[in-house]
Amino acid sequence: MKHCVALFLVGIALSGCARLLATIAPEPTTTPSELRAGDYRLDPEHVSILFKIDHLGFSTYVGRFEAASGQLDFKPEDPAASAVSVTVDATSLSVPSAELEEKLKGPALFDVADFPVIRFESTGAKVTGEASGTVEGLLTIKTVERPITLEVTFNGGARNPLTLVPTLGFSATAQLDRVAFGLTEWLPLVGNQVTLEIEAEFIRTPSS
């Protein structure tokens, strides 16, 4: 009985803390000038990188990369001058089929044994709306480097009420031609056009 009462009291306390946090938590703002400049790093626990491709005309097949790291040089006074670089762990590629995953990681496609990382380095950016923009950059898969454009939505920034660390959130999409990167397996049965969908949070580094 005492154990149940203790759990009940703990539940009440946690509920109260949650309500307090909801009350004092700053609302994320999409106005860059209200946010802190500096170096931010990609939060590995809050990043999602999906790739989507036509599968035999029956469906859109979805896979993902489970791990990535990155840096953002955020310039709120001139957002278009900000720069970002991201390294994706190619070995973290994941799809529902273990057999297909092995083939995707193999020499004919991503060849993750010899090329364990995929890199993106921004080369420029443009503000297109109050909370939208484009980021131009170079994507490197294996030995092939090609330009790519990300359509970016700035979801907002604020001090994270749980970690108390300044945090910025973004969503991005891009289209790429896999043949241009030398990924030609299963054409034309499997589509050439690949859609990338990215969700990411960047947290401010302590020294910046």
Protein backbone atom coordinates (compact mmCIF):
# COMPACT_ATOMS: atom_id res chain seq x y z
CA MET A 1 0.00 0.00 0.00
CA LYS A 2 2.80 2.41 0.94
CA HIS A 3 4.48 1.58 -2.38
CA CYS A 4 1.32 2.47 -4.31
CA VAL A 5 0.95 5.75 -2.43
CA ALA A 6 4.58 6.63 -3.17
CA LEU A 7 4.09 5.92 -6.88
CA PHE A 8 0.92 8.01 -6.86
CA LEU A 9 2.76 10.96 -5.27
CA VAL A 10 5.62 10.64 -7.75
CA GLY A 11 3.08 10.67 -10.59
CA ILE A 12 1.52 13.85 -9.26
CA ALA A 13 4.94 15.49 -8.94
CA LEU A 14 5.92 14.55 -12.49
CA SER A 15 2.60 15.77 -13.81
CA GLY A 16 3.12 19.07 -12.04
CA CYS A 17 6.61 19.42 -13.51
CA ALA A 18 5.25 18.73 -16.98
CA ARG A 19 2.60 21.42 -16.58
CA LEU A 20 5.20 23.85 -15.28
CA LEU A 21 7.49 23.17 -18.22
CA ALA A 22 4.61 23.68 -20.63
CA THR A 23 3.92 27.03 -18.98
CA ILE A 24 7.47 28.38 -19.00
CA ALA A 25 8.76 26.74 -22.19
CA PRO A 26 9.58 29.39 -24.80
CA GLU A 27 7.61 29.10 -28.01
CA PRO A 28 9.99 28.38 -30.93
CA THR A 29 10.39 31.41 -33.15
CA THR A 30 11.04 31.47 -36.89
CA THR A 31 12.50 34.99 -36.68
CA PRO A 32 16.28 34.44 -36.98
CA SER A 33 17.20 37.79 -35.39
CA GLU A 34 15.67 36.59 -32.11
CA LEU A 35 18.07 33.63 -31.96
CA ARG A 36 21.70 33.19 -31.00
CA ALA A 37 24.40 33.02 -33.65
CA GLY A 38 27.21 30.51 -33.47
CA ASP A 39 28.15 26.91 -34.07
CA TYR A 40 25.48 24.26 -33.73
CA ARG A 41 25.88 20.51 -34.05
CA LEU A 42 23.40 18.01 -35.41
CA ASP A 43 21.58 16.24 -32.59
CA PRO A 44 22.08 12.51 -33.38
CA GLU A 45 18.98 11.61 -31.38
CA HIS A 46 16.72 13.96 -33.36
CA VAL A 47 17.59 13.41 -37.00
CA SER A 48 15.71 11.41 -39.61
CA ILE A 49 16.93 10.80 -43.18
CA LEU A 50 14.48 8.96 -45.42
CA PHE A 51 14.89 8.04 -49.08
CA LYS A 52 11.91 7.16 -51.30
CA ILE A 53 11.92 5.53 -54.72
CA ASP A 54 9.38 4.04 -57.14
CA HIS A 55 9.20 0.26 -56.83
CA LEU A 56 8.00 -1.45 -60.04
CA GLY A 57 5.18 1.07 -60.30
CA PHE A 58 3.41 -0.65 -57.41
CA SER A 59 4.48 1.55 -54.53
CA THR A 60 7.00 4.04 -53.21
CA TYR A 61 9.70 2.12 -51.36
CA VAL A 62 11.06 3.78 -48.23
CA GLY A 63 14.43 3.32 -46.57
CA ARG A 64 16.45 5.34 -44.13
CA PHE A 65 19.88 6.12 -42.77
CA GLU A 66 19.98 5.74 -39.02
CA ALA A 67 23.07 7.77 -38.14
CA ALA A 68 24.52 11.14 -39.11
CA SER A 69 26.64 13.96 -37.72
CA GLY A 70 26.93 17.55 -38.80
CA GLN A 71 27.74 21.19 -38.10
CA LEU A 72 25.79 24.38 -38.72
CA ASP A 73 27.36 27.85 -38.70
CA PHE A 74 24.20 29.85 -37.97
CA LYS A 75 24.15 33.54 -38.86
CA PRO A 76 20.78 34.97 -37.77
CA GLU A 77 21.65 38.47 -39.02
CA ASP A 78 22.05 37.01 -42.53
CA PRO A 79 20.57 33.48 -42.69
CA ALA A 80 21.62 33.02 -46.32
CA ALA A 81 25.26 33.27 -45.16
CA SER A 82 24.85 30.28 -42.84
CA ALA A 83 26.71 27.11 -43.78
CA VAL A 84 26.06 23.45 -43.02
CA SER A 85 27.97 20.20 -43.46
CA VAL A 86 26.61 16.73 -42.77
CA THR A 87 28.23 13.31 -42.77
CA VAL A 88 25.90 10.32 -43.09
CA ASP A 89 26.98 6.90 -41.88
CA ALA A 90 26.36 4.80 -45.00
CA THR A 91 26.64 1.60 -42.96
CA SER A 92 23.52 2.68 -41.05
CA LEU A 93 21.33 2.24 -44.16
CA SER A 94 18.19 0.38 -43.15
CA VAL A 95 15.31 -1.17 -45.13
CA PRO A 96 12.66 -3.74 -44.14
CA SER A 97 14.30 -6.55 -46.14
CA ALA A 98 17.57 -7.93 -44.78
CA GLU A 99 18.40 -9.41 -48.20
CA LEU A 100 17.82 -6.11 -50.00
CA GLU A 101 19.75 -4.20 -47.32
CA GLU A 102 22.76 -6.45 -47.92
CA LYS A 103 22.58 -5.75 -51.67
CA LEU A 104 22.23 -1.99 -51.15
CA LYS A 105 25.31 -1.99 -48.93
CA GLY A 106 27.24 -4.18 -51.36
CA PRO A 107 29.80 -3.31 -54.08
CA ALA A 108 27.21 -2.78 -56.84
CA LEU A 109 25.52 0.08 -54.99
CA PHE A 110 26.68 1.99 -51.90
CA ASP A 111 29.71 -0.26 -51.28
CA VAL A 112 29.79 0.71 -47.61
CA ALA A 113 32.84 -1.43 -46.88
CA ASP A 114 35.02 0.89 -48.99
CA PHE A 115 32.89 4.05 -48.72
CA PRO A 116 31.38 4.15 -45.22
CA VAL A 117 30.29 7.80 -45.34
CA ILE A 118 28.14 10.05 -47.53
CA ARG A 119 28.91 13.77 -47.34
CA PHE A 120 26.97 16.98 -47.94
CA GLU A 121 28.64 20.39 -47.92
CA SER A 122 26.62 23.54 -48.51
CA THR A 123 27.84 26.03 -51.09
CA GLY A 124 25.11 28.66 -50.77
CA ALA A 125 21.65 29.42 -49.48
CA LYS A 126 18.69 31.62 -50.30
CA VAL A 127 15.77 32.83 -48.18
CA THR A 128 12.51 32.31 -50.07
CA GLY A 129 9.91 33.06 -47.38
CA GLU A 130 9.37 33.85 -43.71
CA ALA A 131 10.39 30.34 -42.71
CA SER A 132 11.59 28.78 -45.95
CA GLY A 133 14.64 28.72 -48.14
CA THR A 134 16.89 26.67 -50.36
CA VAL A 135 20.34 25.32 -49.61
CA GLU A 136 22.66 24.50 -52.48
CA GLY A 137 25.43 22.05 -51.86
CA LEU A 138 27.62 19.20 -53.02
CA LEU A 139 26.61 15.62 -52.24
CA THR A 140 29.31 12.96 -52.38
CA ILE A 141 28.39 9.29 -52.68
CA LYS A 142 31.40 7.00 -53.03
CA THR A 143 33.70 8.89 -55.44
CA VAL A 144 30.97 10.88 -57.20
CA GLU A 145 30.28 14.50 -56.23
CA ARG A 146 27.19 16.24 -57.61
CA PRO A 147 25.28 19.44 -56.83
CA ILE A 148 21.97 19.10 -55.00
CA THR A 149 19.33 21.56 -53.83
CA LEU A 150 17.51 21.21 -50.51
CA GLU A 151 14.10 22.82 -50.08
CA VAL A 152 14.21 23.83 -46.42
CA THR A 153 11.57 24.80 -43.86
CA PHE A 154 12.79 26.46 -40.68
CA ASN A 155 10.56 25.03 -37.95
CA GLY A 156 11.91 27.45 -35.38
CA GLY A 157 14.42 27.89 -32.61
CA ALA A 158 14.35 28.35 -28.86
CA ARG A 159 15.98 27.15 -25.67
CA ASN A 160 14.95 23.52 -25.30
CA PRO A 161 12.88 23.38 -22.08
CA LEU A 162 14.24 19.92 -21.24
CA THR A 163 17.95 20.43 -21.94
CA LEU A 164 18.06 24.25 -21.59
CA VAL A 165 20.25 24.31 -24.72
CA PRO A 166 19.48 26.62 -27.69
CA THR A 167 18.03 24.40 -30.41
CA LEU A 168 17.12 24.94 -34.07
CA GLY A 169 14.75 22.68 -36.03
CA PHE A 170 14.54 22.13 -39.79
CA SER A 171 12.68 20.01 -42.34
CA ALA A 172 14.12 19.53 -45.83
CA THR A 173 13.38 17.69 -49.06
CA ALA A 174 15.45 17.10 -52.18
CA GLN A 175 15.28 15.20 -55.46
CA LEU A 176 18.28 13.41 -56.88
CA ASP A 177 19.12 11.36 -59.95
CA ARG A 178 20.68 8.13 -58.73
CA VAL A 179 22.20 7.33 -62.11
CA ALA A 180 24.24 10.54 -61.81
CA PHE A 181 25.84 9.02 -58.72
CA GLY A 182 26.56 5.70 -60.43
CA LEU A 183 23.76 3.83 -58.64
CA THR A 184 22.28 2.04 -61.66
CA GLU A 185 21.10 -1.35 -60.34
CA TRP A 186 17.58 -2.56 -61.32
CA LEU A 187 16.87 0.15 -63.88
CA PRO A 188 14.34 0.71 -65.34
CA LEU A 189 12.17 -1.48 -63.09
CA VAL A 190 13.10 0.55 -60.03
CA GLY A 191 12.90 4.32 -60.47
CA ASN A 192 15.80 6.66 -61.08
CA GLN A 193 14.42 9.66 -59.19
CA VAL A 194 15.01 9.51 -55.44
CA THR A 195 13.24 11.74 -52.93
CA LEU A 196 15.04 12.64 -49.73
CA GLU A 197 13.09 13.72 -46.66
CA ILE A 198 15.08 15.08 -43.72
CA GLU A 199 14.09 16.15 -40.21
CA ALA A 200 16.84 17.61 -38.07
CA GLU A 201 17.56 19.48 -34.87
CA PHE A 202 20.80 21.35 -34.25
CA ILE A 203 21.96 22.18 -30.73
CA ARG A 204 24.30 25.04 -29.90
CA THR A 205 27.81 24.01 -28.95
CA PRO A 206 28.90 25.21 -25.48
CA SER A 207 31.96 27.09 -26.71
CA SER A 208 30.18 29.21 -29.33
